[in-house]
PDB file of N, CA and C in Angstrom:
ATOM      1  N   MET A   1     -62.667 -42.039 -45.156  1.00  0.00           N
ATOM      2  CA  MET A   1     -61.553 -42.914 -45.577  1.00  0.00           C
ATOM      3  C   MET A   1     -60.622 -42.997 -44.456  1.00  0.00           C
ATOM      4  N   ALA A   2     -60.332 -44.153 -44.035  1.00  0.00           N
ATOM      5  CA  ALA A   2     -59.409 -44.390 -42.993  1.00  0.00           C
ATOM      6  C   ALA A   2     -58.009 -44.661 -43.499  1.00  0.00           C
ATOM      7  N   TYR A   3     -56.995 -44.062 -42.798  1.00  0.00           N
ATOM      8  CA  TYR A   3     -55.631 -44.243 -43.233  1.00  0.00           C
ATOM      9  C   TYR A   3     -54.868 -44.956 -42.107  1.00  0.00           C
ATOM     10  N   ALA A   4     -54.161 -46.029 -42.370  1.00  0.00           N
ATOM     11  CA  ALA A   4     -53.432 -46.801 -41.345  1.00  0.00           C
ATOM     12  C   ALA A   4     -52.294 -45.956 -40.803  1.00  0.00           C
ATOM     13  N   SER A   5     -51.693 -45.117 -41.590  1.00  0.00           N
ATOM     14  CA  SER A   5     -50.476 -44.430 -41.158  1.00  0.00           C
ATOM     15  C   SER A   5     -50.728 -43.032 -40.576  1.00  0.00           C
ATOM     16  N   HIS A   6     -52.016 -42.557 -40.572  1.00  0.00           N
ATOM     17  CA  HIS A   6     -52.245 -41.217 -40.147  1.00  0.00           C
ATOM     18  C   HIS A   6     -53.618 -41.237 -39.359  1.00  0.00           C
ATOM     19  N   SER A   7     -53.623 -40.569 -38.183  1.00  0.00           N
ATOM     20  CA  SER A   7     -54.907 -40.398 -37.511  1.00  0.00           C
ATOM     21  C   SER A   7     -55.766 -39.305 -38.196  1.00  0.00           C
ATOM     22  N   PRO A   8     -57.024 -39.350 -37.964  1.00  0.00           N
ATOM     23  CA  PRO A   8     -57.849 -38.250 -38.525  1.00  0.00           C
ATOM     24  C   PRO A   8     -57.418 -36.876 -38.108  1.00  0.00           C
ATOM     25  N   GLN A   9     -56.945 -36.716 -36.896  1.00  0.00           N
ATOM     26  CA  GLN A   9     -56.437 -35.418 -36.389  1.00  0.00           C
ATOM     27  C   GLN A   9     -55.171 -35.015 -37.107  1.00  0.00           C
ATOM     28  N   GLU A  10     -54.294 -35.986 -37.430  1.00  0.00           N
ATOM     29  CA  GLU A  10     -53.113 -35.614 -38.183  1.00  0.00           C
ATOM     30  C   GLU A  10     -53.410 -35.230 -39.574  1.00  0.00           C
ATOM     31  N   VAL A  11     -54.327 -35.929 -40.215  1.00  0.00           N
ATOM     32  CA  VAL A  11     -54.659 -35.547 -41.576  1.00  0.00           C
ATOM     33  C   VAL A  11     -55.234 -34.063 -41.595  1.00  0.00           C
ATOM     34  N   GLU A  12     -56.155 -33.815 -40.707  1.00  0.00           N
ATOM     35  CA  GLU A  12     -56.724 -32.487 -40.645  1.00  0.00           C
ATOM     36  C   GLU A  12     -55.617 -31.477 -40.328  1.00  0.00           C
ATOM     37  N   SER A  13     -54.778 -31.715 -39.304  1.00  0.00           N
ATOM     38  CA  SER A  13     -53.747 -30.711 -38.968  1.00  0.00           C
ATOM     39  C   SER A  13     -52.819 -30.474 -40.174  1.00  0.00           C
ATOM     40  N   ARG A  14     -52.285 -31.539 -40.738  1.00  0.00           N
ATOM     41  CA  ARG A  14     -51.366 -31.337 -41.847  1.00  0.00           C
ATOM     42  C   ARG A  14     -52.010 -30.725 -43.093  1.00  0.00           C
ATOM     43  N   GLY A  15     -53.269 -31.147 -43.358  1.00  0.00           N
ATOM     44  CA  GLY A  15     -53.987 -30.514 -44.503  1.00  0.00           C
ATOM     45  C   GLY A  15     -54.160 -29.120 -44.339  1.00  0.00           C
ATOM     46  N   GLU A  16     -54.670 -28.712 -43.188  1.00  0.00           N
ATOM     47  CA  GLU A  16     -54.935 -27.254 -42.850  1.00  0.00           C
ATOM     48  C   GLU A  16     -53.598 -26.460 -42.895  1.00  0.00           C
ATOM     49  N   GLU A  17     -52.556 -27.051 -42.360  1.00  0.00           N
ATOM     50  CA  GLU A  17     -51.255 -26.339 -42.405  1.00  0.00           C
ATOM     51  C   GLU A  17     -50.762 -26.124 -43.843  1.00  0.00           C
ATOM     52  N   ILE A  18     -50.859 -27.140 -44.673  1.00  0.00           N
ATOM     53  CA  ILE A  18     -50.415 -26.967 -46.084  1.00  0.00           C
ATOM     54  C   ILE A  18     -51.348 -26.014 -46.779  1.00  0.00           C
ATOM     55  N   TYR A  19     -52.618 -26.046 -46.590  1.00  0.00           N
ATOM     56  CA  TYR A  19     -53.516 -25.112 -47.210  1.00  0.00           C
ATOM     57  C   TYR A  19     -53.224 -23.616 -46.806  1.00  0.00           C
ATOM     58  N   GLU A  20     -53.009 -23.414 -45.534  1.00  0.00           N
ATOM     59  CA  GLU A  20     -52.765 -22.017 -45.046  1.00  0.00           C
ATOM     60  C   GLU A  20     -51.364 -21.559 -45.566  1.00  0.00           C
ATOM     61  N   ARG A  21     -50.345 -22.423 -45.495  1.00  0.00           N
ATOM     62  CA  ARG A  21     -49.021 -21.987 -45.757  1.00  0.00           C
ATOM     63  C   ARG A  21     -48.669 -21.902 -47.298  1.00  0.00           C
ATOM     64  N   GLN A  22     -49.233 -22.824 -48.086  1.00  0.00           N
ATOM     65  CA  GLN A  22     -48.861 -22.916 -49.498  1.00  0.00           C
ATOM     66  C   GLN A  22     -49.919 -22.587 -50.548  1.00  0.00           C
ATOM     67  N   ILE A  23     -51.208 -22.761 -50.209  1.00  0.00           N
ATOM     68  CA  ILE A  23     -52.185 -22.838 -51.199  1.00  0.00           C
ATOM     69  C   ILE A  23     -53.225 -21.694 -51.150  1.00  0.00           C
ATOM     70  N   ARG A  24     -53.643 -21.250 -50.002  1.00  0.00           N
ATOM     71  CA  ARG A  24     -54.676 -20.263 -49.817  1.00  0.00           C
ATOM     72  C   ARG A  24     -54.450 -19.023 -50.663  1.00  0.00           C
ATOM     73  N   ARG A  25     -53.321 -18.395 -50.604  1.00  0.00           N
ATOM     74  CA  ARG A  25     -53.000 -17.152 -51.343  1.00  0.00           C
ATOM     75  C   ARG A  25     -53.201 -17.351 -52.882  1.00  0.00           C
ATOM     76  N   GLN A  26     -52.858 -18.553 -53.322  1.00  0.00           N
ATOM     77  CA  GLN A  26     -52.954 -18.778 -54.758  1.00  0.00           C
ATOM     78  C   GLN A  26     -54.383 -19.006 -55.317  1.00  0.00           C
ATOM     79  N   VAL A  27     -55.258 -19.452 -54.496  1.00  0.00           N
ATOM     80  CA  VAL A  27     -56.623 -19.839 -54.932  1.00  0.00           C
ATOM     81  C   VAL A  27     -57.772 -18.959 -54.409  1.00  0.00           C
ATOM     82  N   GLU A  28     -57.561 -18.269 -53.276  1.00  0.00           N
ATOM     83  CA  GLU A  28     -58.738 -17.625 -52.617  1.00  0.00           C
ATOM     84  C   GLU A  28     -59.412 -16.539 -53.513  1.00  0.00           C
ATOM     85  N   SER A  29     -58.730 -15.769 -54.174  1.00  0.00           N
ATOM     86  CA  SER A  29     -59.359 -14.654 -54.931  1.00  0.00           C
ATOM     87  C   SER A  29     -60.146 -15.076 -56.180  1.00  0.00           C
ATOM     88  N   ASP A  30     -59.648 -16.128 -56.874  1.00  0.00           N
ATOM     89  CA  ASP A  30     -60.263 -16.578 -58.065  1.00  0.00           C
ATOM     90  C   ASP A  30     -61.079 -17.798 -58.122  1.00  0.00           C
ATOM     91  N   HIS A  31     -61.085 -18.534 -56.941  1.00  0.00           N
ATOM     92  CA  HIS A  31     -61.676 -19.869 -56.888  1.00  0.00           C
ATOM     93  C   HIS A  31     -62.627 -20.074 -55.670  1.00  0.00           C
ATOM     94  N   LYS A  32     -63.212 -18.961 -55.213  1.00  0.00           N
ATOM     95  CA  LYS A  32     -64.161 -19.117 -54.102  1.00  0.00           C
ATOM     96  C   LYS A  32     -65.229 -20.127 -54.377  1.00  0.00           C
ATOM     97  N   GLY A  33     -65.429 -21.073 -53.405  1.00  0.00           N
ATOM     98  CA  GLY A  33     -66.526 -22.063 -53.533  1.00  0.00           C
ATOM     99  C   GLY A  33     -66.002 -23.352 -54.204  1.00  0.00           C
ATOM    100  N   GLU A  34     -64.826 -23.313 -54.816  1.00  0.00           N
ATOM    101  CA  GLU A  34     -64.298 -24.547 -55.409  1.00  0.00           C
ATOM    102  C   GLU A  34     -63.647 -25.430 -54.297  1.00  0.00           C
ATOM    103  N   PHE A  35     -63.394 -26.661 -54.630  1.00  0.00           N
ATOM    104  CA  PHE A  35     -62.769 -27.575 -53.643  1.00  0.00           C
ATOM    105  C   PHE A  35     -61.307 -27.779 -54.015  1.00  0.00           C
ATOM    106  N   VAL A  36     -60.550 -27.809 -52.935  1.00  0.00           N
ATOM    107  CA  VAL A  36     -59.117 -28.122 -53.002  1.00  0.00           C
ATOM    108  C   VAL A  36     -58.929 -29.423 -52.310  1.00  0.00           C
ATOM    109  N   VAL A  37     -58.325 -30.419 -52.952  1.00  0.00           N
ATOM    110  CA  VAL A  37     -57.975 -31.689 -52.384  1.00  0.00           C
ATOM    111  C   VAL A  37     -56.436 -31.833 -52.354  1.00  0.00           C
ATOM    112  N   ILE A  38     -55.914 -31.980 -51.117  1.00  0.00           N
ATOM    113  CA  ILE A  38     -54.555 -31.926 -50.878  1.00  0.00           C
ATOM    114  C   ILE A  38     -54.001 -33.239 -50.453  1.00  0.00           C
ATOM    115  N   ASP A  39     -52.864 -33.631 -51.164  1.00  0.00           N
ATOM    116  CA  ASP A  39     -52.114 -34.813 -50.704  1.00  0.00           C
ATOM    117  C   ASP A  39     -51.231 -34.344 -49.591  1.00  0.00           C
ATOM    118  N   ILE A  40     -51.520 -34.822 -48.358  1.00  0.00           N
ATOM    119  CA  ILE A  40     -50.828 -34.279 -47.172  1.00  0.00           C
ATOM    120  C   ILE A  40     -49.364 -34.714 -47.072  1.00  0.00           C
ATOM    121  N   GLU A  41     -48.977 -35.750 -47.945  1.00  0.00           N
ATOM    122  CA  GLU A  41     -47.601 -36.244 -47.839  1.00  0.00           C
ATOM    123  C   GLU A  41     -46.723 -35.512 -48.960  1.00  0.00           C
ATOM    124  N   THR A  42     -47.275 -34.965 -49.966  1.00  0.00           N
ATOM    125  CA  THR A  42     -46.500 -34.320 -51.041  1.00  0.00           C
ATOM    126  C   THR A  42     -46.771 -32.861 -51.117  1.00  0.00           C
ATOM    127  N   GLY A  43     -47.908 -32.386 -50.605  1.00  0.00           N
ATOM    128  CA  GLY A  43     -48.340 -30.973 -50.775  1.00  0.00           C
ATOM    129  C   GLY A  43     -48.970 -30.730 -52.053  1.00  0.00           C
ATOM    130  N   GLU A  44     -49.032 -31.640 -53.013  1.00  0.00           N
ATOM    131  CA  GLU A  44     -49.646 -31.407 -54.314  1.00  0.00           C
ATOM    132  C   GLU A  44     -51.165 -31.342 -54.068  1.00  0.00           C
ATOM    133  N   TYR A  45     -51.865 -30.650 -54.946  1.00  0.00           N
ATOM    134  CA  TYR A  45     -53.302 -30.452 -54.758  1.00  0.00           C
ATOM    135  C   TYR A  45     -53.964 -30.409 -56.103  1.00  0.00           C
ATOM    136  N   GLU A  46     -55.291 -30.744 -56.062  1.00  0.00           N
ATOM    137  CA  GLU A  46     -56.173 -30.608 -57.211  1.00  0.00           C
ATOM    138  C   GLU A  46     -57.289 -29.603 -56.859  1.00  0.00           C
ATOM    139  N   LEU A  47     -57.800 -28.874 -57.789  1.00  0.00           N
ATOM    140  CA  LEU A  47     -58.792 -27.855 -57.641  1.00  0.00           C
ATOM    141  C   LEU A  47     -59.931 -28.085 -58.545  1.00  0.00           C
ATOM    142  N   ASP A  48     -61.134 -28.095 -58.109  1.00  0.00           N
ATOM    143  CA  ASP A  48     -62.254 -28.333 -59.044  1.00  0.00           C
ATOM    144  C   ASP A  48     -63.589 -27.841 -58.352  1.00  0.00           C
ATOM    145  N   GLN A  49     -64.609 -27.528 -59.155  1.00  0.00           N
ATOM    146  CA  GLN A  49     -65.948 -27.256 -58.709  1.00  0.00           C
ATOM    147  C   GLN A  49     -66.514 -28.495 -58.008  1.00  0.00           C
ATOM    148  N   ASP A  50     -66.067 -29.642 -58.445  1.00  0.00           N
ATOM    149  CA  ASP A  50     -66.577 -30.995 -57.923  1.00  0.00           C
ATOM    150  C   ASP A  50     -65.547 -31.645 -57.153  1.00  0.00           C
ATOM    151  N   ASP A  51     -65.754 -31.885 -55.844  1.00  0.00           N
ATOM    152  CA  ASP A  51     -64.755 -32.415 -55.016  1.00  0.00           C
ATOM    153  C   ASP A  51     -64.343 -33.857 -55.406  1.00  0.00           C
ATOM    154  N   LEU A  52     -65.373 -34.606 -55.930  1.00  0.00           N
ATOM    155  CA  LEU A  52     -65.042 -35.992 -56.312  1.00  0.00           C
ATOM    156  C   LEU A  52     -64.116 -35.964 -57.546  1.00  0.00           C
ATOM    157  N   GLN A  53     -64.290 -35.086 -58.508  1.00  0.00           N
ATOM    158  CA  GLN A  53     -63.395 -34.970 -59.670  1.00  0.00           C
ATOM    159  C   GLN A  53     -61.979 -34.618 -59.210  1.00  0.00           C
ATOM    160  N   ALA A  54     -61.839 -33.725 -58.286  1.00  0.00           N
ATOM    161  CA  ALA A  54     -60.522 -33.383 -57.720  1.00  0.00           C
ATOM    162  C   ALA A  54     -59.896 -34.511 -57.058  1.00  0.00           C
ATOM    163  N   THR A  55     -60.718 -35.290 -56.268  1.00  0.00           N
ATOM    164  CA  THR A  55     -60.198 -36.483 -55.584  1.00  0.00           C
ATOM    165  C   THR A  55     -59.732 -37.578 -56.576  1.00  0.00           C
ATOM    166  N   LYS A  56     -60.528 -37.769 -57.566  1.00  0.00           N
ATOM    167  CA  LYS A  56     -60.166 -38.751 -58.587  1.00  0.00           C
ATOM    168  C   LYS A  56     -58.791 -38.425 -59.294  1.00  0.00           C
ATOM    169  N   ARG A  57     -58.630 -37.106 -59.626  1.00  0.00           N
ATOM    170  CA  ARG A  57     -57.349 -36.739 -60.269  1.00  0.00           C
ATOM    171  C   ARG A  57     -56.182 -36.932 -59.217  1.00  0.00           C
ATOM    172  N   ALA A  58     -56.425 -36.566 -57.984  1.00  0.00           N
ATOM    173  CA  ALA A  58     -55.348 -36.741 -56.986  1.00  0.00           C
ATOM    174  C   ALA A  58     -54.943 -38.188 -56.835  1.00  0.00           C
ATOM    175  N   LEU A  59     -55.969 -39.088 -56.854  1.00  0.00           N
ATOM    176  CA  LEU A  59     -55.695 -40.520 -56.661  1.00  0.00           C
ATOM    177  C   LEU A  59     -55.126 -41.088 -57.975  1.00  0.00           C
ATOM    178  N   ALA A  60     -55.352 -40.525 -59.124  1.00  0.00           N
ATOM    179  CA  ALA A  60     -54.783 -40.966 -60.349  1.00  0.00           C
ATOM    180  C   ALA A  60     -53.342 -40.729 -60.257  1.00  0.00           C
ATOM    181  N   LYS A  61     -52.858 -39.692 -59.725  1.00  0.00           N
ATOM    182  CA  LYS A  61     -51.423 -39.358 -59.618  1.00  0.00           C
ATOM    183  C   LYS A  61     -50.749 -40.293 -58.567  1.00  0.00           C
ATOM    184  N   ARG A  62     -51.489 -40.452 -57.398  1.00  0.00           N
ATOM    185  CA  ARG A  62     -50.826 -41.256 -56.343  1.00  0.00           C
ATOM    186  C   ARG A  62     -52.061 -42.056 -55.687  1.00  0.00           C
ATOM    187  N   PRO A  63     -52.202 -43.305 -56.143  1.00  0.00           N
ATOM    188  CA  PRO A  63     -53.409 -44.110 -55.651  1.00  0.00           C
ATOM    189  C   PRO A  63     -53.464 -44.312 -54.154  1.00  0.00           C
ATOM    190  N   ARG A  64     -52.348 -44.270 -53.455  1.00  0.00           N
ATOM    191  CA  ARG A  64     -52.412 -44.457 -52.032  1.00  0.00           C
ATOM    192  C   ARG A  64     -52.175 -43.098 -51.268  1.00  0.00           C
ATOM    193  N   ALA A  65     -52.544 -42.044 -51.924  1.00  0.00           N
ATOM    194  CA  ALA A  65     -52.382 -40.681 -51.366  1.00  0.00           C
ATOM    195  C   ALA A  65     -53.261 -40.518 -50.118  1.00  0.00           C
ATOM    196  N   VAL A  66     -52.803 -39.790 -49.127  1.00  0.00           N
ATOM    197  CA  VAL A  66     -53.592 -39.383 -47.996  1.00  0.00           C
ATOM    198  C   VAL A  66     -54.079 -38.037 -48.227  1.00  0.00           C
ATOM    199  N   LEU A  67     -55.463 -37.878 -48.389  1.00  0.00           N
ATOM    200  CA  LEU A  67     -56.046 -36.640 -48.925  1.00  0.00           C
ATOM    201  C   LEU A  67     -56.805 -35.888 -47.822  1.00  0.00           C
ATOM    202  N   TYR A  68     -56.805 -34.539 -47.984  1.00  0.00           N
ATOM    203  CA  TYR A  68     -57.525 -33.629 -47.132  1.00  0.00           C
ATOM    204  C   TYR A  68     -58.243 -32.665 -48.057  1.00  0.00           C
ATOM    205  N   GLY A  69     -59.502 -32.440 -47.808  1.00  0.00           N
ATOM    206  CA  GLY A  69     -60.251 -31.487 -48.681  1.00  0.00           C
ATOM    207  C   GLY A  69     -60.712 -30.288 -47.883  1.00  0.00           C
ATOM    208  N   VAL A  70     -60.758 -29.139 -48.696  1.00  0.00           N
ATOM    209  CA  VAL A  70     -61.249 -27.882 -48.112  1.00  0.00           C
ATOM    210  C   VAL A  70     -62.022 -27.107 -49.249  1.00  0.00           C
ATOM    211  N   ARG A  71     -63.015 -26.393 -48.825  1.00  0.00           N
ATOM    212  CA  ARG A  71     -63.698 -25.500 -49.817  1.00  0.00           C
ATOM    213  C   ARG A  71     -63.167 -24.094 -49.689  1.00  0.00           C
ATOM    214  N   VAL A  72     -62.717 -23.555 -50.785  1.00  0.00           N
ATOM    215  CA  VAL A  72     -62.024 -22.265 -50.828  1.00  0.00           C
ATOM    216  C   VAL A  72     -63.050 -21.163 -50.406  1.00  0.00           C
ATOM    217  N   GLY A  73     -62.669 -20.416 -49.381  1.00  0.00           N
ATOM    218  CA  GLY A  73     -63.391 -19.279 -48.869  1.00  0.00           C
ATOM    219  C   GLY A  73     -64.534 -19.612 -47.882  1.00  0.00           C
ATOM    220  N   PHE A  74     -64.630 -20.863 -47.499  1.00  0.00           N
ATOM    221  CA  PHE A  74     -65.694 -21.333 -46.543  1.00  0.00           C
ATOM    222  C   PHE A  74     -65.029 -22.018 -45.357  1.00  0.00           C
ATOM    223  N   PRO A  75     -65.649 -21.911 -44.125  1.00  0.00           N
ATOM    224  CA  PRO A  75     -65.095 -22.573 -42.932  1.00  0.00           C
ATOM    225  C   PRO A  75     -65.305 -24.127 -43.045  1.00  0.00           C
ATOM    226  N   THR A  76     -66.316 -24.564 -43.822  1.00  0.00           N
ATOM    227  CA  THR A  76     -66.589 -26.052 -43.936  1.00  0.00           C
ATOM    228  C   THR A  76     -66.816 -26.299 -45.404  1.00  0.00           C
ATOM    229  N   ALA A  77     -66.592 -27.565 -45.727  1.00  0.00           N
ATOM    230  CA  ALA A  77     -66.893 -27.880 -47.117  1.00  0.00           C
ATOM    231  C   ALA A  77     -68.360 -28.152 -47.435  1.00  0.00           C
ATOM    232  N   TYR A  78     -69.133 -28.569 -46.480  1.00  0.00           N
ATOM    233  CA  TYR A  78     -70.493 -28.915 -46.646  1.00  0.00           C
ATOM    234  C   TYR A  78     -71.327 -28.463 -45.465  1.00  0.00           C
ATOM    235  N   THR A  79     -72.589 -28.323 -45.670  1.00  0.00           N
ATOM    236  CA  THR A  79     -73.629 -28.027 -44.648  1.00  0.00           C
ATOM    237  C   THR A  79     -74.588 -29.185 -44.562  1.00  0.00           C
ATOM    238  N   LEU A  80     -75.094 -29.465 -43.370  1.00  0.00           N
ATOM    239  CA  LEU A  80     -76.102 -30.474 -43.212  1.00  0.00           C
ATOM    240  C   LEU A  80     -77.446 -29.810 -42.784  1.00  0.00           C
ATOM    241  N   GLY A  81     -78.515 -30.381 -43.166  1.00  0.00           N
ATOM    242  CA  GLY A  81     -79.749 -29.864 -42.815  1.00  0.00           C
ATOM    243  C   GLY A  81     -80.372 -29.037 -43.914  1.00  0.00           C
ATOM    244  N   GLY A  82     -81.435 -28.355 -43.588  1.00  0.00           N
ATOM    245  CA  GLY A  82     -82.194 -27.623 -44.615  1.00  0.00           C
ATOM    246  C   GLY A  82     -82.526 -26.299 -44.124  1.00  0.00           C
ATOM    247  N   HIS A  83     -83.518 -25.660 -44.733  1.00  0.00           N
ATOM    248  CA  HIS A  83     -83.979 -24.370 -44.310  1.00  0.00           C
ATOM    249  C   HIS A  83     -85.522 -24.368 -44.492  1.00  0.00           C
ATOM    250  N   VAL A  84     -86.135 -23.404 -43.885  1.00  0.00           N
ATOM    251  CA  VAL A  84     -87.598 -23.274 -43.882  1.00  0.00           C
ATOM    252  C   VAL A  84     -87.912 -22.140 -44.840  1.00  0.00           C
ATOM    253  N   GLU A  85     -88.810 -22.477 -45.745  1.00  0.00           N
ATOM    254  CA  GLU A  85     -89.270 -21.402 -46.748  1.00  0.00           C
ATOM    255  C   GLU A  85     -90.590 -20.930 -46.198  1.00  0.00           C
ATOM    256  N   ARG A  86     -90.743 -19.611 -46.299  1.00  0.00           N
ATOM    257  CA  ARG A  86     -92.023 -19.015 -45.799  1.00  0.00           C
ATOM    258  C   ARG A  86     -92.839 -18.627 -46.973  1.00  0.00           C
TER     259      ARG A  86
END
């Protein structure tokens, strides 16, 4: 999703800052693996097992919100590729 008023780097930087400063302590112990979708302009967030549902709720509140997502307890939200079974 492209935002006219924010570069991708700014979205990432602000999202990470808000997560670390305001949200991580509240969600990390009880919500590992869930997705947090953060409105980087208001600091409000939605939490859900399904990142799309969290995003839909955030956009229902503010349709033009600039959003950043993170998966609780993981360095990345998704992995690409597969694995080999033996």
